[in-house]
Amino acid sequence: MLIKKSYYVITKRSRKNLKELVNNLDIAIDPFFTQDEINELARSAGFTKRESKLKGSTFLDLIVFNSGNLKDQSLNDLAGILKSDYGIDFRKQSLHDRFNESALHFLKETLEKLIQKHLRSKQISLPDLKGFNRILIKDSTSFQVDESLSEYYPGSGGSGSTASVRIQFEYDILSGKINDLSVNAFNVQDAKDSIATIELTEKGDLIIRDLAYMTFDVLKFIAKNDRFFLCRANTNAYLYEIKGGKYVKINFTKIAKHMRKHKIKTLEKEAYYGSVKLKVRLILHLLPEDEIAKRIRNARKNNIDKGGDGNLSSEHKAKISLNLFITNVDQKLIPLTSVWHLYRLRWQIELVFKIWKSVCDIEKVKKVKQHRLECYMYSKLLIIVLGWQVLWRIAVTLFYREGKALSLIKASKTLLGRQINKLQELFVKGTNSVKSFMMEFYDLSRTHHILEKRREEPTSMELLLISLTC
């Protein structure tokens, strides 16, 4: 896991070898479903009957392979597309009625089967990170919806929105496989979701998540069931060390002073976390002085906003000056020098959410009935999962073969925007060759979708790809 410059020295191949390079790009990218399979799903969900004018495959085409967003697209627009593209006369009121519980059930079933197919698929063969089954990264994103839907999607309350949606997303960075993708109300917080979905983890998994997910109950479950965790330590939780056979609170004031005096940037201690005294490796990173000053200013402001006088204890200021990480992974698997780099991989998921919003327009909604909103959200998640399969293989192969990091934003704008019709041909209609499409998109990406570097330090995307290909 050590990040070395030599990892960037990867032999570049000439264009004449392009076919050889992408021979494995079509692994597991099969047609999504046949038309008959989609129509059967629609019938079993109760969305269509044998005499239905609007078939399940047509409905899926209409709302999934459509670059429009819910905010700008009316029912009349969709009815016009049905007439012009499919020759089907459908009044907008009739279409309004078709966005119902059965339609939602049909789309949910389709998404679930797609993810199951994704999980069963073979992936590009890459060296595993020694000791781990999977490396799971999870986070959530949210957006506001019309207040009329607060009964189904309650928001944060108070001065916040009365109605908001939260989407949970988890994937394995070793294979790119999606482990969890679910739509919830905003008030289903990350901690609650973490408990509800902890059984999706498996023995040997390394779980990297934001602090909000890592409650004491979750950490205990992970440790007791042969899983691994890496996360920040809650600065409000007590951390202990054993001295004279007794648990003693760690003196962070003393540690921070020692690190400054001896110019130590990183160190680790054996520690015991929280009231449950969970044994962990505690990794401490001393922050730069300007960052410490910024954190102290923010902490004082927060203290005043809560009715305090702005004064901070020396222990509080000492904790502010440090990044604190905890893990139950042995040093042999993750040495001290690699902890920060590995945790940074979690930031990659923020880029995924940026794509969902800036490219897929998933948050651009308006006042519509509950079922139409939910059908819209699931249609976007379907296209996101389909696109993810393509983007992941292109990203890994491009870096592995040529040492180039893919810009997910650039590639997504092309794939999920301008070439969405090609995804439809590839996954549903089966009218385009998988290998031909992947070769063309690879060739386009190696020249037009490359990540632009602004600093010498590797980006989170480069760290992710390095960890897979080193």
Protein backbone atom coordinates (compact mmCIF):
# COMPACT_ATOMS: atom_id res chain seq x y z
CA MET A 1 0.00 0.00 0.00
CA LEU A 2 2.98 2.34 0.07
CA ILE A 3 2.61 5.07 -2.54
CA LYS A 4 5.74 5.17 -4.68
CA LYS A 5 6.51 7.19 -7.78
CA SER A 6 7.65 4.02 -9.51
CA TYR A 7 4.04 2.89 -9.68
CA TYR A 8 3.44 5.59 -12.26
CA VAL A 9 6.08 4.14 -14.57
CA ILE A 10 3.74 1.81 -16.45
CA THR A 11 4.58 0.73 -19.95
CA LYS A 12 2.54 2.60 -22.56
CA ARG A 13 1.16 0.67 -25.47
CA SER A 14 0.82 1.89 -29.01
CA ARG A 15 -2.49 2.29 -30.80
CA LYS A 16 -1.85 -0.84 -32.86
CA ASN A 17 -2.09 -2.84 -29.64
CA LEU A 18 -5.44 -1.29 -28.65
CA LYS A 19 -7.36 -4.44 -29.50
CA GLU A 20 -5.05 -6.51 -27.30
CA LEU A 21 -5.46 -4.06 -24.42
CA VAL A 22 -9.23 -4.20 -24.31
CA ASN A 23 -9.74 -7.91 -24.90
CA ASN A 24 -10.95 -8.24 -21.31
CA LEU A 25 -13.11 -5.10 -21.28
CA ASP A 26 -16.26 -6.98 -22.22
CA ILE A 27 -16.04 -9.37 -19.25
CA ALA A 28 -19.44 -9.52 -17.51
CA ILE A 29 -20.96 -6.78 -19.65
CA ASP A 30 -23.78 -8.77 -21.14
CA PRO A 31 -27.05 -7.41 -22.46
CA PHE A 32 -28.94 -6.00 -19.49
CA PHE A 33 -32.14 -8.00 -20.07
CA THR A 34 -33.87 -9.18 -23.19
CA GLN A 35 -37.10 -7.46 -24.22
CA ASP A 36 -39.04 -10.58 -23.21
CA GLU A 37 -37.40 -10.67 -19.77
CA ILE A 38 -38.25 -7.02 -19.16
CA ASN A 39 -41.86 -7.51 -20.25
CA GLU A 40 -42.17 -10.56 -18.02
CA LEU A 41 -40.85 -8.53 -15.06
CA ALA A 42 -43.46 -5.88 -15.80
CA ARG A 43 -46.26 -8.48 -15.91
CA SER A 44 -45.16 -10.19 -12.68
CA ALA A 45 -45.06 -6.76 -10.97
CA GLY A 46 -48.62 -6.09 -12.13
CA PHE A 47 -47.57 -3.13 -14.28
CA THR A 48 -48.87 -4.61 -17.53
CA LYS A 49 -51.34 -7.19 -18.72
CA ARG A 50 -51.23 -9.10 -21.98
CA GLU A 51 -53.38 -6.53 -23.80
CA SER A 52 -51.50 -3.49 -22.44
CA LYS A 53 -50.65 -0.90 -25.07
CA LEU A 54 -47.66 0.31 -22.99
CA LYS A 55 -45.26 -2.61 -22.57
CA GLY A 56 -42.74 -2.82 -19.76
CA SER A 57 -39.79 -2.57 -22.17
CA THR A 58 -41.24 0.61 -23.71
CA PHE A 59 -41.87 2.19 -20.30
CA LEU A 60 -38.31 1.34 -19.25
CA ASP A 61 -36.91 2.87 -22.43
CA LEU A 62 -39.03 5.99 -21.92
CA ILE A 63 -37.90 6.85 -18.39
CA VAL A 64 -34.46 5.20 -18.05
CA PHE A 65 -32.79 5.98 -21.37
CA ASN A 66 -33.86 9.58 -21.32
CA SER A 67 -31.44 12.42 -20.63
CA GLY A 68 -34.19 14.74 -19.36
CA ASN A 69 -34.70 15.53 -15.69
CA LEU A 70 -37.93 15.52 -13.72
CA LYS A 71 -37.84 19.27 -13.12
CA ASP A 72 -37.94 20.16 -16.81
CA GLN A 73 -39.88 17.26 -18.31
CA SER A 74 -43.68 17.21 -18.25
CA LEU A 75 -46.09 14.34 -18.74
CA ASN A 76 -47.03 15.94 -22.05
CA ASP A 77 -43.35 15.74 -23.11
CA LEU A 78 -43.26 12.02 -22.28
CA ALA A 79 -46.55 11.41 -24.11
CA GLY A 80 -45.05 13.19 -27.14
CA ILE A 81 -41.99 10.89 -27.05
CA LEU A 82 -44.25 7.85 -26.92
CA LYS A 83 -46.04 9.07 -30.05
CA SER A 84 -42.99 10.19 -32.05
CA ASP A 85 -40.55 7.41 -31.10
CA TYR A 86 -42.81 4.43 -30.48
CA GLY A 87 -46.01 5.25 -32.39
CA ILE A 88 -48.10 4.88 -29.23
CA ASP A 89 -50.99 7.28 -28.55
CA PHE A 90 -51.17 7.99 -24.85
CA ARG A 91 -52.88 10.89 -23.13
CA LYS A 92 -50.91 12.59 -20.39
CA GLN A 93 -53.60 11.71 -17.82
CA SER A 94 -53.33 8.06 -18.77
CA LEU A 95 -49.58 8.26 -18.40
CA HIS A 96 -50.02 9.98 -15.03
CA ASP A 97 -52.08 7.01 -13.88
CA ARG A 98 -49.39 4.54 -14.97
CA PHE A 99 -46.94 5.98 -12.44
CA ASN A 100 -48.30 3.85 -9.64
CA GLU A 101 -47.28 1.23 -7.07
CA SER A 102 -46.98 -1.44 -9.76
CA ALA A 103 -44.67 0.72 -11.88
CA LEU A 104 -42.48 1.39 -8.86
CA HIS A 105 -42.41 -2.33 -8.00
CA PHE A 106 -41.39 -3.10 -11.60
CA LEU A 107 -38.48 -0.64 -11.50
CA LYS A 108 -37.33 -1.80 -8.06
CA GLU A 109 -37.34 -5.42 -9.21
CA THR A 110 -35.38 -4.47 -12.31
CA LEU A 111 -32.77 -2.58 -10.29
CA GLU A 112 -32.43 -5.43 -7.79
CA LYS A 113 -31.93 -7.99 -10.54
CA LEU A 114 -29.42 -5.72 -12.26
CA ILE A 115 -27.37 -5.38 -9.05
CA GLN A 116 -27.59 -9.14 -8.45
CA LYS A 117 -26.30 -9.70 -11.97
CA HIS A 118 -23.58 -7.15 -11.29
CA LEU A 119 -22.54 -8.98 -8.10
CA ARG A 120 -22.44 -12.37 -9.82
CA SER A 121 -20.38 -11.09 -12.71
CA LYS A 122 -16.71 -11.73 -13.24
CA GLN A 123 -14.45 -8.73 -12.95
CA ILE A 124 -11.14 -7.69 -14.46
CA SER A 125 -8.49 -9.83 -12.81
CA LEU A 126 -6.39 -7.68 -10.50
CA PRO A 127 -4.10 -8.50 -7.59
CA ASP A 128 -6.00 -8.46 -4.31
CA LEU A 129 -4.79 -6.34 -1.44
CA LYS A 130 -3.32 -8.99 0.82
CA GLY A 131 -5.51 -10.01 3.71
CA PHE A 132 -8.79 -8.44 2.61
CA ASN A 133 -11.80 -10.01 0.96
CA ARG A 134 -13.24 -6.66 -0.12
CA ILE A 135 -12.63 -3.01 0.71
CA LEU A 136 -16.08 -1.47 1.18
CA ILE A 137 -16.61 2.28 1.01
CA LYS A 138 -20.00 3.70 1.92
CA ASP A 139 -21.58 7.13 2.13
CA SER A 140 -24.87 8.84 1.45
CA THR A 141 -26.13 11.81 -0.50
CA SER A 142 -29.40 13.70 -0.05
CA PHE A 143 -31.56 16.27 -1.77
CA GLN A 144 -34.78 18.11 -1.05
CA VAL A 145 -38.14 17.23 -2.55
CA ASP A 146 -41.46 19.06 -2.42
CA GLU A 147 -42.89 19.45 1.08
CA SER A 148 -46.07 17.66 -0.04
CA LEU A 149 -44.03 14.43 0.23
CA SER A 150 -42.92 14.98 3.83
CA GLU A 151 -45.19 12.13 4.98
CA TYR A 152 -43.12 9.67 2.93
CA TYR A 153 -39.73 11.39 3.02
CA PRO A 154 -39.52 13.45 6.23
CA GLY A 155 -36.64 15.91 6.28
CA SER A 156 -34.45 17.23 9.05
CA GLY A 157 -37.11 19.44 10.61
CA GLY A 158 -36.44 22.79 12.26
CA SER A 159 -35.12 25.29 9.76
CA GLY A 160 -34.26 22.51 7.30
CA SER A 161 -36.41 21.04 4.56
CA THR A 162 -39.58 19.27 5.64
CA ALA A 163 -39.08 16.66 2.90
CA SER A 164 -35.78 15.17 1.72
CA VAL A 165 -34.47 11.95 0.20
CA ARG A 166 -31.29 10.14 1.25
CA ILE A 167 -29.56 7.64 -1.05
CA GLN A 168 -27.10 5.15 0.44
CA PHE A 169 -24.30 3.82 -1.78
CA GLU A 170 -21.61 1.25 -0.99
CA TYR A 171 -19.14 -0.43 -3.31
CA ASP A 172 -16.02 -2.58 -3.22
CA ILE A 173 -12.99 -0.68 -4.48
CA LEU A 174 -11.18 -3.90 -5.36
CA SER A 175 -13.74 -5.00 -7.95
CA GLY A 176 -16.08 -2.02 -8.43
CA LYS A 177 -19.06 -4.19 -7.42
CA ILE A 178 -21.99 -2.38 -5.83
CA ASN A 179 -22.84 -3.76 -2.40
CA ASP A 180 -25.73 -1.46 -1.46
CA LEU A 181 -27.82 1.12 -3.32
CA SER A 182 -31.01 2.19 -1.59
CA VAL A 183 -33.45 5.11 -1.38
CA ASN A 184 -34.59 6.24 2.09
CA ALA A 185 -36.10 9.17 3.90
CA PHE A 186 -33.61 11.82 5.02
CA ASN A 187 -34.31 11.09 8.69
CA VAL A 188 -33.01 7.53 8.27
CA GLN A 189 -29.60 8.65 9.43
CA ASP A 190 -26.31 6.97 8.51
CA ALA A 191 -25.93 5.38 11.96
CA LYS A 192 -29.33 3.70 11.67
CA ASP A 193 -28.60 2.53 8.11
CA SER A 194 -25.26 1.12 9.24
CA ILE A 195 -26.95 -1.14 11.77
CA ALA A 196 -29.66 -2.16 9.29
CA THR A 197 -27.18 -3.10 6.53
CA ILE A 198 -24.26 -4.49 8.55
CA GLU A 199 -25.17 -8.03 7.46
CA LEU A 200 -24.23 -7.10 3.89
CA THR A 201 -20.61 -7.23 5.02
CA GLU A 202 -18.63 -10.47 4.92
CA LYS A 203 -15.74 -12.10 6.72
CA GLY A 204 -12.43 -10.52 5.68
CA ASP A 205 -13.98 -7.22 4.52
CA LEU A 206 -12.25 -3.92 5.31
CA ILE A 207 -14.97 -1.33 5.97
CA ILE A 208 -14.03 2.33 5.48
CA ARG A 209 -16.80 4.73 6.40
CA ASP A 210 -17.43 8.17 7.75
CA LEU A 211 -17.67 8.56 11.51
CA ALA A 212 -21.48 8.88 11.35
CA TYR A 213 -21.76 5.19 10.41
CA MET A 214 -19.36 3.85 13.03
CA THR A 215 -21.33 3.58 16.25
CA PHE A 216 -19.97 1.46 19.09
CA ASP A 217 -22.46 -1.31 18.21
CA VAL A 218 -21.27 -1.39 14.60
CA LEU A 219 -17.59 -1.42 15.59
CA LYS A 220 -18.18 -4.24 18.07
CA PHE A 221 -20.02 -6.28 15.43
CA ILE A 222 -17.19 -5.78 12.92
CA ALA A 223 -14.49 -6.73 15.43
CA LYS A 224 -16.36 -9.81 16.73
CA ASN A 225 -17.21 -11.18 13.28
CA ASP A 226 -13.79 -11.24 11.60
CA ARG A 227 -14.24 -7.98 9.71
CA PHE A 228 -11.96 -4.94 9.73
CA PHE A 229 -12.67 -1.24 10.13
CA LEU A 230 -10.86 2.02 9.46
CA CYS A 231 -12.48 5.30 10.46
CA ARG A 232 -11.94 8.54 12.33
CA ALA A 233 -12.23 8.49 16.10
CA ASN A 234 -15.05 10.49 17.63
CA THR A 235 -13.32 13.36 19.45
CA ASN A 236 -16.10 13.34 22.04
CA ALA A 237 -15.48 9.68 22.91
CA TYR A 238 -12.92 8.78 25.54
CA LEU A 239 -9.75 6.98 24.49
CA TYR A 240 -7.81 5.03 27.09
CA GLU A 241 -4.43 3.38 27.50
CA ILE A 242 -3.39 0.85 30.14
CA LYS A 243 -1.01 2.06 32.83
CA GLY A 244 -0.29 0.06 35.96
CA GLY A 245 -2.98 -2.42 35.03
CA LYS A 246 -5.67 0.29 34.89
CA TYR A 247 -7.47 2.15 32.09
CA VAL A 248 -6.25 5.75 32.00
CA LYS A 249 -7.52 8.47 29.69
CA ILE A 250 -4.99 9.37 27.01
CA ASN A 251 -3.47 12.82 27.54
CA PHE A 252 -3.72 14.44 24.11
CA THR A 253 -2.24 17.73 25.35
CA LYS A 254 0.95 15.92 26.25
CA ILE A 255 1.02 13.95 22.98
CA ALA A 256 0.48 17.02 20.76
CA LYS A 257 3.20 18.92 22.61
CA HIS A 258 5.60 15.98 22.20
CA MET A 259 4.89 15.69 18.47
CA ARG A 260 5.47 19.41 17.90
CA LYS A 261 8.70 19.45 19.92
CA HIS A 262 10.20 16.48 18.10
CA LYS A 263 8.64 17.34 14.71
CA ILE A 264 6.75 14.05 14.54
CA LYS A 265 3.99 14.10 11.95
CA THR A 266 2.50 10.67 12.58
CA LEU A 267 2.52 8.14 15.38
CA GLU A 268 0.37 5.35 16.73
CA LYS A 269 -0.60 3.88 20.08
CA GLU A 270 -2.49 0.87 21.36
CA ALA A 271 -5.70 2.28 22.75
CA TYR A 272 -9.14 1.37 24.07
CA TYR A 273 -12.06 3.21 22.54
CA GLY A 274 -15.16 4.52 24.27
CA SER A 275 -17.07 3.15 27.22
CA VAL A 276 -16.92 -0.34 25.71
CA LYS A 277 -13.09 -0.22 25.87
CA LEU A 278 -12.74 -1.61 22.33
CA LYS A 279 -9.08 -2.38 21.62
CA VAL A 280 -7.83 -0.43 18.59
CA ARG A 281 -4.77 0.95 16.90
CA LEU A 282 -4.93 4.72 17.38
CA ILE A 283 -3.18 6.64 14.59
CA LEU A 284 -2.46 10.34 15.20
CA HIS A 285 -1.58 12.85 12.46
CA LEU A 286 -0.38 16.30 13.54
CA LEU A 287 -2.00 18.94 11.34
CA PRO A 288 -0.22 22.00 9.85
CA GLU A 289 -0.38 25.15 12.00
CA ASP A 290 -2.67 27.04 9.61
CA GLU A 291 -5.18 24.18 9.64
CA ILE A 292 -5.03 23.99 13.43
CA ALA A 293 -5.71 27.73 13.70
CA LYS A 294 -8.67 27.39 11.34
CA ARG A 295 -10.13 24.52 13.36
CA ILE A 296 -9.74 26.41 16.63
CA ARG A 297 -11.53 29.46 15.18
CA ASN A 298 -14.42 27.27 14.03
CA ALA A 299 -14.60 25.48 17.39
CA ARG A 300 -14.75 28.78 19.27
CA LYS A 301 -17.49 30.06 16.97
CA ASN A 302 -19.50 26.87 17.49
CA ASN A 303 -19.05 27.19 21.23
CA ILE A 304 -20.36 30.77 21.19
CA ASP A 305 -23.28 29.82 18.93
CA LYS A 306 -24.28 27.26 21.55
CA GLY A 307 -24.24 29.85 24.34
CA GLY A 308 -20.66 29.39 25.54
CA ASP A 309 -17.96 31.98 26.07
CA GLY A 310 -15.69 30.72 23.29
CA ASN A 311 -13.03 29.36 25.62
CA LEU A 312 -11.64 25.92 24.80
CA SER A 313 -9.83 23.57 27.16
CA SER A 314 -6.21 22.66 26.41
CA GLU A 315 -7.33 19.04 25.83
CA HIS A 316 -9.96 20.14 23.33
CA LYS A 317 -7.43 22.25 21.43
CA ALA A 318 -4.98 19.36 21.46
CA LYS A 319 -7.54 17.01 19.89
CA ILE A 320 -8.38 19.66 17.30
CA SER A 321 -4.73 19.78 16.29
CA LEU A 322 -4.74 16.06 15.43
CA ASN A 323 -6.44 13.79 12.93
CA LEU A 324 -7.36 10.69 14.90
CA PHE A 325 -7.97 7.34 13.18
CA ILE A 326 -8.84 3.98 14.69
CA THR A 327 -8.58 0.53 13.15
CA ASN A 328 -8.47 -3.12 14.15
CA VAL A 329 -6.22 -4.03 11.21
CA ASP A 330 -2.80 -5.40 12.04
CA GLN A 331 0.28 -3.32 11.17
CA LYS A 332 1.42 -6.01 8.77
CA LEU A 333 -1.67 -5.44 6.63
CA ILE A 334 -1.82 -1.65 6.93
CA PRO A 335 1.43 -0.06 8.11
CA LEU A 336 1.36 3.31 9.81
CA THR A 337 2.52 5.14 6.67
CA SER A 338 -0.42 3.78 4.64
CA VAL A 339 -3.37 4.57 6.93
CA TRP A 340 -3.92 8.12 5.68
CA HIS A 341 -3.62 7.13 2.01
CA LEU A 342 -6.09 4.28 2.47
CA TYR A 343 -8.61 6.44 4.29
CA ARG A 344 -8.40 9.04 1.52
CA LEU A 345 -9.90 6.49 -0.87
CA ARG A 346 -13.23 7.17 0.84
CA TRP A 347 -13.23 10.63 -0.72
CA GLN A 348 -13.67 9.02 -4.14
CA ILE A 349 -17.30 8.36 -3.33
CA GLU A 350 -17.88 12.12 -3.11
CA LEU A 351 -16.93 12.31 -6.78
CA VAL A 352 -19.51 9.61 -7.54
CA PHE A 353 -22.21 11.71 -5.88
CA LYS A 354 -21.06 14.76 -7.84
CA ILE A 355 -21.61 12.79 -11.04
CA TRP A 356 -25.09 11.76 -9.92
CA LYS A 357 -26.07 15.38 -9.39
CA SER A 358 -24.12 17.29 -12.05
CA VAL A 359 -24.40 14.74 -14.88
CA CYS A 360 -27.45 12.61 -14.07
CA ASP A 361 -29.53 15.46 -12.57
CA ILE A 362 -30.91 13.10 -9.93
CA GLU A 363 -31.75 15.98 -7.57
CA LYS A 364 -33.54 18.13 -10.19
CA VAL A 365 -37.11 17.39 -9.17
CA LYS A 366 -40.40 19.24 -8.85
CA LYS A 367 -43.79 18.80 -7.22
CA VAL A 368 -45.18 15.50 -8.49
CA LYS A 369 -47.02 12.63 -6.87
CA GLN A 370 -45.02 10.17 -4.78
CA HIS A 371 -44.93 7.31 -7.28
CA ARG A 372 -43.74 9.44 -10.17
CA LEU A 373 -40.90 10.87 -8.05
CA GLU A 374 -39.86 7.39 -6.94
CA CYS A 375 -40.05 5.99 -10.47
CA TYR A 376 -37.83 8.86 -11.60
CA MET A 377 -35.27 8.18 -8.85
CA TYR A 378 -35.10 4.46 -9.60
CA SER A 379 -34.82 5.12 -13.33
CA LYS A 380 -31.76 7.30 -12.64
CA LEU A 381 -30.25 4.66 -10.37
CA LEU A 382 -30.69 2.08 -13.13
CA ILE A 383 -28.75 4.16 -15.64
CA ILE A 384 -26.12 4.94 -13.00
CA VAL A 385 -25.53 1.23 -12.34
CA LEU A 386 -25.32 0.48 -16.05
CA GLY A 387 -22.88 3.32 -16.63
CA TRP A 388 -20.81 2.35 -13.59
CA GLN A 389 -20.00 -1.05 -15.13
CA VAL A 390 -18.55 0.62 -18.21
CA LEU A 391 -16.71 3.43 -16.39
CA TRP A 392 -15.11 1.13 -13.84
CA ARG A 393 -13.61 -1.21 -16.42
CA ILE A 394 -12.36 1.66 -18.54
CA ALA A 395 -10.78 3.39 -15.50
CA VAL A 396 -8.96 0.32 -14.22
CA THR A 397 -7.77 -0.89 -17.61
CA LEU A 398 -6.61 2.58 -18.69
CA PHE A 399 -4.49 3.01 -15.58
CA TYR A 400 -3.25 -0.57 -15.50
CA ARG A 401 -2.16 -0.53 -19.11
CA GLU A 402 -1.12 3.06 -19.76
CA GLY A 403 -0.67 4.74 -16.39
CA LYS A 404 -3.44 7.27 -17.11
CA ALA A 405 -6.11 8.19 -14.56
CA LEU A 406 -9.64 8.50 -15.92
CA SER A 407 -11.65 11.62 -15.10
CA LEU A 408 -14.99 10.14 -14.04
CA ILE A 409 -16.66 13.51 -14.53
CA LYS A 410 -15.48 13.86 -18.14
CA ALA A 411 -16.23 10.24 -19.02
CA SER A 412 -19.66 10.39 -17.38
CA LYS A 413 -20.66 13.53 -19.29
CA THR A 414 -20.00 11.64 -22.50
CA LEU A 415 -21.42 8.26 -21.51
CA LEU A 416 -24.46 9.26 -19.44
CA GLY A 417 -25.19 12.40 -21.43
CA ARG A 418 -24.28 12.35 -25.10
CA GLN A 419 -24.03 8.56 -25.52
CA ILE A 420 -26.96 7.38 -23.43
CA ASN A 421 -28.58 5.98 -26.57
CA LYS A 422 -25.53 3.74 -27.04
CA LEU A 423 -26.00 2.33 -23.55
CA GLN A 424 -29.55 1.50 -24.55
CA GLU A 425 -28.32 -0.27 -27.69
CA LEU A 426 -25.70 -2.11 -25.65
CA PHE A 427 -27.67 -3.30 -22.64
CA VAL A 428 -31.29 -3.57 -23.79
CA LYS A 429 -31.62 -3.74 -27.54
CA GLY A 430 -28.47 -5.77 -28.10
CA THR A 431 -27.91 -3.99 -31.42
CA ASN A 432 -24.36 -2.89 -30.63
CA SER A 433 -21.29 -5.07 -30.12
CA VAL A 434 -20.05 -4.92 -26.53
CA LYS A 435 -16.43 -5.27 -27.52
CA SER A 436 -16.74 -2.73 -30.32
CA PHE A 437 -18.37 -0.19 -28.00
CA MET A 438 -15.77 -0.71 -25.26
CA MET A 439 -12.89 -0.36 -27.71
CA GLU A 440 -14.33 2.89 -29.07
CA PHE A 441 -14.98 4.33 -25.61
CA TYR A 442 -11.53 3.26 -24.39
CA ASP A 443 -9.91 4.95 -27.37
CA LEU A 444 -11.94 8.11 -26.72
CA SER A 445 -11.15 8.09 -23.01
CA ARG A 446 -7.39 7.70 -23.40
CA THR A 447 -7.26 11.04 -25.20
CA HIS A 448 -10.29 13.06 -24.04
CA HIS A 449 -11.23 11.76 -20.56
CA ILE A 450 -7.90 11.98 -18.75
CA LEU A 451 -7.75 13.43 -15.24
CA GLU A 452 -5.92 16.75 -15.16
CA LYS A 453 -3.42 17.05 -12.32
CA ARG A 454 -3.03 20.39 -10.56
CA ARG A 455 -0.71 19.23 -7.77
CA GLU A 456 2.11 16.73 -7.40
CA GLU A 457 0.29 14.85 -4.66
CA PRO A 458 -1.78 11.97 -6.10
CA THR A 459 -5.53 12.53 -6.28
CA SER A 460 -7.98 10.19 -4.56
CA MET A 461 -8.72 8.63 -7.97
CA GLU A 462 -5.02 7.96 -8.57
CA LEU A 463 -4.65 6.53 -5.06
CA LEU A 464 -7.56 4.22 -5.74
CA LEU A 465 -6.14 3.02 -9.05
CA ILE A 466 -2.63 2.66 -7.62
CA SER A 467 -3.96 0.49 -4.82
CA LEU A 468 -5.56 -1.81 -7.40
CA THR A 469 -2.72 -2.07 -9.88
CA CYS A 470 0.43 -1.97 -7.74
